Amino acid sequence: MKKNVLIVDDSLYMRMVIKEILEDAGYVVVGLAVNGEEAIELAFELQPDYITLDNILPDMVGTDILKVYKQEGIESKVVIISAVAQQSTIDEGMSLGAHSYVVKPFSKNDLVATMESV
C-alpha cells in the first residue's frame, strides 16, 4: 500500500517534525505546504494518499480547505493536526471528510498510530 503524504503546516518547525516522524515510519513525503492555497494546489497536483492538515493557516482554516477537497473530489485521507482541541472544531472537521484529528503537542507514537488507523 502506498504511503505518500502531503504535510500542510505554516510552521517550518512543525513541518520538519512531522516529516521526520512520518519518514521514519515508512511514509514518503511528496510535498510540503505552508498555507491553504498551497494545500489545495499540491493536493490536486500530487494526489497524495494522505494529507496532514494544520487547522489554522495564515490564509484559511482547515475546515475551508476540507470543503474544497470534498467539492473537488480529493480522495486523500486527511488527518488534521492542530493545537485547537475544541470538540465543535473536531466534529466539524470530521463531518467535512477528515479521517482523524491529532492535538498538538503530540508524541511520535500518537501521530504514527493515528496515521496507521486511517
Protein backbone atom coordinates (compact mmCIF):
# COMPACT_ATOMS: atom_id res chain seq x y z
CA MET A 1 0.00 0.00 0.00
CA LYS A 2 1.30 3.43 -0.92
CA LYS A 3 2.01 5.89 1.85
CA ASN A 4 2.56 9.19 0.03
CA VAL A 5 1.82 12.19 2.22
CA LEU A 6 1.42 15.94 1.84
CA ILE A 7 2.22 17.90 5.01
CA VAL A 8 0.40 21.21 5.48
CA ASP A 9 1.52 23.47 8.34
CA ASP A 10 2.56 27.12 8.44
CA SER A 11 5.33 26.37 10.96
CA LEU A 12 8.62 25.23 9.41
CA TYR A 13 9.47 23.51 12.68
CA MET A 14 6.22 21.50 12.71
CA ARG A 15 6.59 20.57 9.02
CA MET A 16 10.07 19.20 9.74
CA VAL A 17 8.97 17.34 12.91
CA ILE A 18 6.01 15.72 11.13
CA LYS A 19 8.18 14.93 8.09
CA GLU A 20 10.85 13.21 10.19
CA ILE A 21 8.30 11.19 12.18
CA LEU A 22 6.42 10.02 9.11
CA GLU A 23 9.52 9.22 7.05
CA ASP A 24 10.88 7.15 9.96
CA ALA A 25 7.55 5.27 9.92
CA GLY A 26 7.85 4.45 6.21
CA TYR A 27 5.82 7.27 4.65
CA VAL A 28 7.08 9.16 1.59
CA VAL A 29 6.64 12.92 1.97
CA VAL A 30 5.79 14.14 -1.52
CA GLY A 31 5.02 17.76 -0.64
CA LEU A 32 5.12 20.47 1.99
CA ALA A 33 2.60 23.33 2.04
CA VAL A 34 2.69 26.45 4.20
CA ASN A 35 -0.82 27.82 3.57
CA GLY A 36 -4.25 26.91 2.31
CA GLU A 37 -3.64 27.94 -1.28
CA GLU A 38 -0.61 25.62 -1.49
CA ALA A 39 -2.54 22.87 0.33
CA ILE A 40 -5.19 22.93 -2.38
CA GLU A 41 -2.77 23.26 -5.32
CA LEU A 42 -0.48 20.46 -4.12
CA ALA A 43 -3.37 18.13 -3.29
CA PHE A 44 -4.56 18.41 -6.91
CA GLU A 45 -1.07 18.16 -8.37
CA LEU A 46 0.31 15.33 -6.21
CA GLN A 47 -2.83 13.32 -5.38
CA PRO A 48 -1.25 12.06 -2.12
CA ASP A 49 -2.60 9.07 -0.24
CA TYR A 50 -2.58 11.12 2.99
CA ILE A 51 -2.63 14.78 3.96
CA THR A 52 -1.73 16.12 7.39
CA LEU A 53 -3.54 19.42 7.72
CA ASP A 54 -2.95 22.16 10.27
CA ASN A 55 -6.31 23.70 11.15
CA ILE A 56 -5.11 27.31 11.45
CA LEU A 57 -3.17 28.65 8.48
CA PRO A 58 -2.34 32.27 7.52
CA ASP A 59 -4.88 32.42 4.68
CA MET A 60 -7.52 29.78 5.54
CA VAL A 61 -8.74 27.43 8.21
CA GLY A 62 -8.61 23.69 7.75
CA THR A 63 -12.36 23.33 7.50
CA ASP A 64 -12.41 25.64 4.47
CA ILE A 65 -9.71 23.53 2.82
CA LEU A 66 -11.67 20.36 3.61
CA LYS A 67 -14.72 21.88 1.92
CA VAL A 68 -12.69 22.43 -1.26
CA TYR A 69 -11.29 18.89 -1.10
CA LYS A 70 -14.79 17.49 -0.71
CA GLN A 71 -16.28 19.62 -3.53
CA GLU A 72 -13.43 18.81 -5.90
CA GLY A 73 -13.26 15.09 -5.17
CA ILE A 74 -9.85 14.95 -3.50
CA GLU A 75 -9.77 11.42 -2.09
CA SER A 76 -6.69 11.70 0.14
CA LYS A 77 -7.10 10.58 3.74
CA VAL A 78 -6.85 13.77 5.80
CA VAL A 79 -5.56 13.90 9.36
CA ILE A 80 -5.98 17.29 11.00
CA ILE A 81 -3.10 18.23 13.29
CA SER A 82 -3.91 21.27 15.38
CA ALA A 83 -3.48 22.95 18.75
CA VAL A 84 -7.22 23.68 18.65
CA ALA A 85 -8.87 20.94 20.70
CA GLN A 86 -12.45 22.22 20.88
CA GLN A 87 -14.91 19.40 20.29
CA SER A 88 -17.00 21.53 17.92
CA THR A 89 -13.94 22.15 15.71
CA ILE A 90 -13.05 18.46 15.73
CA ASP A 91 -16.63 17.48 14.89
CA GLU A 92 -16.80 19.98 12.02
CA GLY A 93 -13.55 18.71 10.54
CA MET A 94 -14.71 15.11 10.75
CA SER A 95 -18.07 15.97 9.17
CA LEU A 96 -16.23 17.57 6.24
CA GLY A 97 -14.22 14.46 5.49
CA ALA A 98 -11.23 14.43 7.84
CA HIS A 99 -10.39 10.89 8.86
CA SER A 100 -8.86 11.74 12.23
CA TYR A 101 -7.64 14.57 14.45
CA VAL A 102 -4.37 14.89 16.37
CA VAL A 103 -3.96 17.59 19.01
CA LYS A 104 -0.64 19.44 19.33
CA PRO A 105 1.58 18.78 21.15
CA PHE A 106 1.62 15.11 20.17
CA SER A 107 4.02 12.21 20.60
CA LYS A 108 5.66 10.34 17.75
CA ASN A 109 3.70 7.22 18.73
CA ASP A 110 0.37 9.11 18.74
CA LEU A 111 0.94 10.52 15.25
CA VAL A 112 2.08 7.23 13.74
CA ALA A 113 -0.76 5.28 15.39
CA THR A 114 -3.29 7.79 14.10
CA MET A 115 -1.88 7.67 10.56
CA GLU A 116 -1.92 3.87 10.60
CA SER A 117 -5.54 3.83 11.81
CA VAL A 118 -6.87 5.83 8.84
